[in-house]
Protein backbone atom coordinates (compact mmCIF):
# COMPACT_ATOMS: atom_id res chain seq x y z
CA MET A 1 95.68 72.04 91.89
CA SER A 2 98.99 70.80 93.27
CA GLN A 3 97.16 69.60 96.43
CA THR A 4 94.81 67.50 94.28
CA LEU A 5 97.72 66.02 92.33
CA SER A 6 99.54 65.27 95.57
CA LEU A 7 96.46 63.51 96.97
CA LYS A 8 96.08 61.36 93.84
CA LEU A 9 99.72 60.36 93.96
CA THR A 10 99.39 59.45 97.62
CA ARG A 11 96.34 57.26 96.97
CA ARG A 12 98.07 55.63 94.01
CA THR A 13 101.16 55.01 96.12
CA LEU A 14 99.07 53.49 98.91
CA CYS A 15 97.24 51.21 96.47
CA LEU A 16 100.47 50.07 94.83
CA GLY A 17 102.05 49.51 98.23
CA ALA A 18 99.09 47.43 99.42
CA ALA A 19 99.20 45.35 96.25
CA ALA A 20 102.93 44.76 96.66
CA LEU A 21 102.45 43.60 100.25
CA ALA A 22 99.64 41.24 99.28
CA ALA A 23 101.60 39.62 96.43
CA PRO A 24 103.99 37.54 98.61
CA MET A 25 101.08 36.14 100.62
CA VAL A 26 99.30 35.03 97.47
CA ARG A 27 102.47 33.54 96.01
CA ALA A 28 103.29 31.56 99.17
CA ASP A 29 99.77 30.11 99.13
CA THR A 30 100.08 29.10 95.48
CA ALA A 31 103.66 27.82 95.66
CA ARG A 32 104.43 24.59 93.84
CA GLN A 33 105.09 21.92 96.47
CA ILE A 34 108.25 20.01 95.61
CA GLU A 35 110.22 17.16 97.16
CA TRP A 36 113.97 16.68 97.41
CA ASP A 37 113.99 14.32 94.42
CA ASP A 38 112.69 17.21 92.30
CA LEU A 39 116.03 19.00 92.81
CA ILE A 40 117.79 16.26 90.84
CA PRO A 41 117.54 16.75 87.08
CA PRO A 42 115.16 14.32 85.36
CA GLY A 43 116.89 11.09 84.34
CA VAL A 44 119.60 11.16 87.04
CA PRO A 45 119.01 8.42 89.64
CA TYR A 46 119.53 9.42 93.29
CA SER A 47 122.00 6.55 93.71
CA GLN A 48 124.30 8.27 91.20
CA ILE A 49 124.65 11.53 93.14
CA ILE A 50 126.00 10.17 96.42
CA GLY A 51 129.78 10.41 96.73
CA ASP A 52 132.57 9.25 98.97
CA GLY A 53 134.84 11.48 100.96
CA GLU A 54 137.11 11.75 103.96
CA MET A 55 137.13 13.40 107.36
CA ASP A 56 139.41 16.43 107.82
CA VAL A 57 140.16 15.76 111.50
CA GLU A 58 142.19 18.94 111.96
CA ASN A 59 139.30 21.18 110.84
CA ASP A 60 136.55 18.81 112.03
CA ILE A 61 134.74 18.77 108.68
CA TRP A 62 133.85 16.14 106.11
CA LYS A 63 135.37 16.66 102.66
CA PRO A 64 133.03 15.00 100.18
CA ILE A 65 134.03 13.80 96.75
CA TYR A 66 131.18 13.91 94.25
CA ASP A 67 130.92 13.00 90.61
CA ASP A 68 129.40 15.28 87.99
CA ASN A 69 125.84 14.10 88.73
CA ALA A 70 125.99 15.58 92.24
CA VAL A 71 126.30 19.11 90.94
CA LEU A 72 123.72 18.87 88.15
CA LEU A 73 120.77 21.15 88.92
CA ASN A 74 117.15 21.06 87.82
CA THR A 75 117.11 24.41 86.05
CA ASP A 76 113.35 24.08 85.43
CA LEU A 77 112.96 25.22 89.06
CA HIS A 78 114.91 28.47 88.51
CA GLY A 79 112.63 31.44 89.22
CA GLU A 80 109.74 29.23 90.37
CA VAL A 81 107.79 29.86 93.57
CA VAL A 82 108.22 26.59 95.47
CA LYS A 83 107.39 25.03 98.84
CA LEU A 84 109.96 22.55 100.19
CA PRO A 85 110.14 20.71 103.55
CA GLY A 86 113.40 20.24 105.39
CA TYR A 87 115.52 20.88 108.45
CA ILE A 88 117.36 24.06 109.41
CA VAL A 89 121.13 24.31 109.82
CA PRO A 90 121.70 27.97 110.85
CA LEU A 91 124.43 29.87 108.99
CA GLU A 92 123.81 33.50 110.05
CA ALA A 93 121.81 34.68 113.06
CA GLY A 94 121.18 37.84 115.01
CA LEU A 95 119.26 38.81 118.13
CA LYS A 96 115.93 38.24 116.37
CA GLY A 97 116.76 34.82 114.92
CA VAL A 98 118.24 33.12 111.88
CA THR A 99 118.59 35.16 108.69
CA VAL A 100 120.42 32.62 106.52
CA PHE A 101 120.30 28.85 106.86
CA LEU A 102 120.87 25.63 104.99
CA LEU A 103 117.70 23.67 104.34
CA VAL A 104 118.69 20.01 104.40
CA PRO A 105 116.69 16.86 103.61
CA TYR A 106 117.34 14.96 106.85
CA VAL A 107 118.36 15.48 110.47
CA GLY A 108 122.12 15.26 110.93
CA ALA A 109 123.07 16.40 107.43
CA CYS A 110 126.29 18.44 107.29
CA ILE A 111 127.35 17.76 110.89
CA HIS A 112 130.17 15.17 111.20
CA VAL A 113 128.72 13.11 108.37
CA PRO A 114 129.08 13.54 104.65
CA PRO A 115 126.89 16.45 103.61
CA PRO A 116 124.32 15.80 100.93
CA PRO A 117 125.52 16.65 97.43
CA PRO A 118 125.09 20.25 96.24
CA ASN A 119 121.91 19.43 94.34
CA GLN A 120 120.36 18.34 97.65
CA LEU A 121 121.18 21.50 99.64
CA VAL A 122 119.35 24.83 99.63
CA ILE A 123 120.54 28.10 101.15
CA VAL A 124 117.56 30.05 102.49
CA GLU A 125 117.60 33.81 103.04
CA THR A 126 114.81 35.18 105.21
CA ASP A 127 113.70 38.62 106.32
CA PRO A 128 112.20 38.76 108.88
CA PRO A 129 114.49 36.28 110.64
CA TRP A 130 113.29 32.80 111.62
CA PRO A 131 112.76 33.27 115.39
CA SER A 132 114.87 30.33 116.52
CA THR A 133 118.53 29.42 116.32
CA ASP A 134 117.97 25.73 117.08
CA LEU A 135 119.48 23.09 114.84
CA TRP A 136 117.08 20.83 113.05
CA ASP A 137 113.86 22.87 113.24
CA ALA A 138 111.55 21.03 110.85
CA VAL A 139 110.02 23.58 108.47
CA TRP A 140 108.26 24.20 105.18
CA VAL A 141 109.91 27.02 103.21
CA SER A 142 108.02 28.83 100.45
CA GLY A 143 109.68 31.33 98.15
CA ILE A 144 111.44 32.00 94.89
CA MET A 145 114.06 29.39 94.03
CA THR A 146 117.31 30.10 92.21
CA ALA A 147 119.20 27.21 90.62
CA ALA A 148 122.85 28.29 90.88
CA PRO A 149 125.82 27.00 92.90
CA ARG A 150 126.58 28.84 96.12
CA SER A 151 129.10 28.20 98.90
CA SER A 152 128.68 28.29 102.66
CA GLU A 153 131.14 27.54 105.45
CA ILE A 154 129.56 24.13 105.87
CA ALA A 155 128.86 22.90 102.35
CA GLU A 156 128.29 23.71 98.71
CA ALA A 157 124.63 24.29 97.82
CA GLY A 158 123.02 24.10 94.41
CA TYR A 159 119.98 26.21 95.17
CA THR A 160 118.86 29.33 97.01
CA ILE A 161 115.35 30.23 98.18
CA VAL A 162 114.43 33.77 99.15
CA ALA A 163 111.81 32.85 101.74
CA GLU A 164 108.39 34.45 101.55
CA HIS A 165 106.90 32.13 104.19
CA ILE A 166 108.31 29.64 106.70
CA GLU A 167 106.24 27.37 108.92
CA ARG A 168 107.03 24.54 111.32
CA PHE A 169 105.93 20.99 110.70
CA ASP A 170 106.02 17.89 112.88
């Protein structure tokens, strides 16, 4: 009897495991495609989120100054499965590739120029790693978005995506 019970549990475990593995693939395929403007809360014009700043020559970084609109987040996106295009700025990498990166809206963002405001930056966590450590890989990232401020060495980000799928685009 215990062998039969063990076999049933094993089959159940296999079925549940297979379903769990299939779920991310389905979700990435059905992700809501968004654009960078969607990260700005409705009613806030893009022109009102850009701020001034100054170059910290000693540390070789730009110190932006933003108004309150630059840190406002579109909380309707919190917990949503989204698909967003952008460019990679690696933050953490290992032998197999990049595990954490900033997804930015344009080439050159965050490097010797004012970084985009926090509501225009997304930290992406990916496992398995993205198999490249090159700056500016153009990619689509699909995954679950979190709308919450988060800091990196380079800039403040307003969003995080736990990547379920990443693909190159030209």
